[in-house]
Amino acid sequence: MPIHAHLLKGSRRRGGALKLSPDAFCVHCFRNLGAMRSVAQRVKTEAKHICPEKLLSWQPAAPPPYN
């Protein structure tokens, strides 16, 4: 008996892809951006959303060295 067999016994196997949630969230500020109808609309909305946390993530972690 394989070592991981006990993990597979209790797990349910699903016969398809998991459904996406209808709400979009910003990964930087954890804000709800609203319900989306399609994946393309979700991607556009997340790209348009500008928050201070997102702007900070684009900055370098340390200033460049001066020569």
C-alpha atoms as a PDB file:
ATOM      1  CA  MET A   1       0.000   0.000   0.000  1.00  0.00           C
ATOM      2  CA  PRO A   2       1.496   3.379  -1.002  1.00  0.00           C
ATOM      3  CA  ILE A   3       2.274   5.932   1.673  1.00  0.00           C
ATOM      4  CA  HIS A   4      -0.214   8.513   0.320  1.00  0.00           C
ATOM      5  CA  ALA A   5      -3.127   6.070  -0.174  1.00  0.00           C
ATOM      6  CA  HIS A   6      -4.844   7.230   3.019  1.00  0.00           C
ATOM      7  CA  LEU A   7      -4.993  10.779   1.604  1.00  0.00           C
ATOM      8  CA  LEU A   8      -6.759   9.628  -1.552  1.00  0.00           C
ATOM      9  CA  LYS A   9      -9.408   7.607   0.274  1.00  0.00           C
ATOM     10  CA  GLY A  10     -11.121  10.629   1.816  1.00  0.00           C
ATOM     11  CA  SER A  11     -10.754  12.980  -1.116  1.00  0.00           C
ATOM     12  CA  ARG A  12     -13.540  13.491  -3.599  1.00  0.00           C
ATOM     13  CA  ARG A  13     -12.586  13.504  -7.229  1.00  0.00           C
ATOM     14  CA  ARG A  14     -14.312  16.048  -9.387  1.00  0.00           C
ATOM     15  CA  GLY A  15     -15.003  15.421 -13.012  1.00  0.00           C
ATOM     16  CA  GLY A  16     -14.229  18.850 -14.429  1.00  0.00           C
ATOM     17  CA  ALA A  17     -12.695  22.242 -13.969  1.00  0.00           C
ATOM     18  CA  LEU A  18     -13.584  24.270 -10.929  1.00  0.00           C
ATOM     19  CA  LYS A  19     -15.876  27.236 -11.456  1.00  0.00           C
ATOM     20  CA  LEU A  20     -14.486  30.719 -11.020  1.00  0.00           C
ATOM     21  CA  SER A  21     -16.114  32.946  -8.468  1.00  0.00           C
ATOM     22  CA  PRO A  22     -18.178  35.784  -9.937  1.00  0.00           C
ATOM     23  CA  ASP A  23     -16.398  38.421  -7.833  1.00  0.00           C
ATOM     24  CA  ALA A  24     -13.020  39.921  -8.697  1.00  0.00           C
ATOM     25  CA  PHE A  25     -10.611  40.972  -5.955  1.00  0.00           C
ATOM     26  CA  CYS A  26      -7.484  43.124  -6.053  1.00  0.00           C
ATOM     27  CA  VAL A  27      -4.536  41.025  -4.883  1.00  0.00           C
ATOM     28  CA  HIS A  28      -2.765  44.130  -3.551  1.00  0.00           C
ATOM     29  CA  CYS A  29      -5.449  45.856  -1.463  1.00  0.00           C
ATOM     30  CA  PHE A  30      -7.948  42.934  -1.126  1.00  0.00           C
ATOM     31  CA  ARG A  31     -10.793  45.118  -2.367  1.00  0.00           C
ATOM     32  CA  ASN A  32     -13.849  43.656  -4.046  1.00  0.00           C
ATOM     33  CA  LEU A  33     -14.001  44.946  -7.621  1.00  0.00           C
ATOM     34  CA  GLY A  34     -17.490  43.607  -8.337  1.00  0.00           C
ATOM     35  CA  ALA A  35     -19.163  40.755 -10.143  1.00  0.00           C
ATOM     36  CA  MET A  36     -17.736  39.735 -13.521  1.00  0.00           C
ATOM     37  CA  ARG A  37     -19.492  37.992 -16.393  1.00  0.00           C
ATOM     38  CA  SER A  38     -16.399  36.627 -18.126  1.00  0.00           C
ATOM     39  CA  VAL A  39     -12.703  36.077 -17.594  1.00  0.00           C
ATOM     40  CA  ALA A  40     -11.860  38.791 -20.139  1.00  0.00           C
ATOM     41  CA  GLN A  41     -13.929  41.323 -18.228  1.00  0.00           C
ATOM     42  CA  ARG A  42     -12.218  40.269 -14.984  1.00  0.00           C
ATOM     43  CA  VAL A  43      -8.749  40.767 -16.489  1.00  0.00           C
ATOM     44  CA  LYS A  44      -9.671  44.230 -17.841  1.00  0.00           C
ATOM     45  CA  THR A  45     -11.126  45.343 -14.522  1.00  0.00           C
ATOM     46  CA  GLU A  46      -8.116  44.131 -12.529  1.00  0.00           C
ATOM     47  CA  ALA A  47      -5.744  45.887 -14.960  1.00  0.00           C
ATOM     48  CA  LYS A  48      -7.653  49.200 -14.743  1.00  0.00           C
ATOM     49  CA  HIS A  49      -7.774  49.156 -10.936  1.00  0.00           C
ATOM     50  CA  ILE A  50      -5.024  51.412  -9.568  1.00  0.00           C
ATOM     51  CA  CYS A  51      -4.501  51.524  -5.798  1.00  0.00           C
ATOM     52  CA  PRO A  52      -1.603  52.813  -3.648  1.00  0.00           C
ATOM     53  CA  GLU A  53      -0.558  49.273  -2.784  1.00  0.00           C
ATOM     54  CA  LYS A  54      -0.296  48.364  -6.473  1.00  0.00           C
ATOM     55  CA  LEU A  55       1.802  51.466  -7.170  1.00  0.00           C
ATOM     56  CA  LEU A  56       4.136  50.562  -4.298  1.00  0.00           C
ATOM     57  CA  SER A  57       4.587  47.051  -5.690  1.00  0.00           C
ATOM     58  CA  TRP A  58       5.953  48.555  -8.930  1.00  0.00           C
ATOM     59  CA  GLN A  59       8.691  50.477  -7.073  1.00  0.00           C
ATOM     60  CA  PRO A  60      12.127  48.904  -6.589  1.00  0.00           C
ATOM     61  CA  ALA A  61      12.791  47.464  -3.127  1.00  0.00           C
ATOM     62  CA  ALA A  62      15.971  49.528  -2.705  1.00  0.00           C
ATOM     63  CA  PRO A  63      17.309  52.608  -4.470  1.00  0.00           C
ATOM     64  CA  PRO A  64      19.928  52.051  -7.171  1.00  0.00           C
ATOM     65  CA  PRO A  65      23.544  52.501  -6.015  1.00  0.00           C
ATOM     66  CA  TYR A  66      25.354  55.694  -6.917  1.00  0.00           C
ATOM     67  CA  ASN A  67      28.758  55.413  -8.574  1.00  0.00           C
END
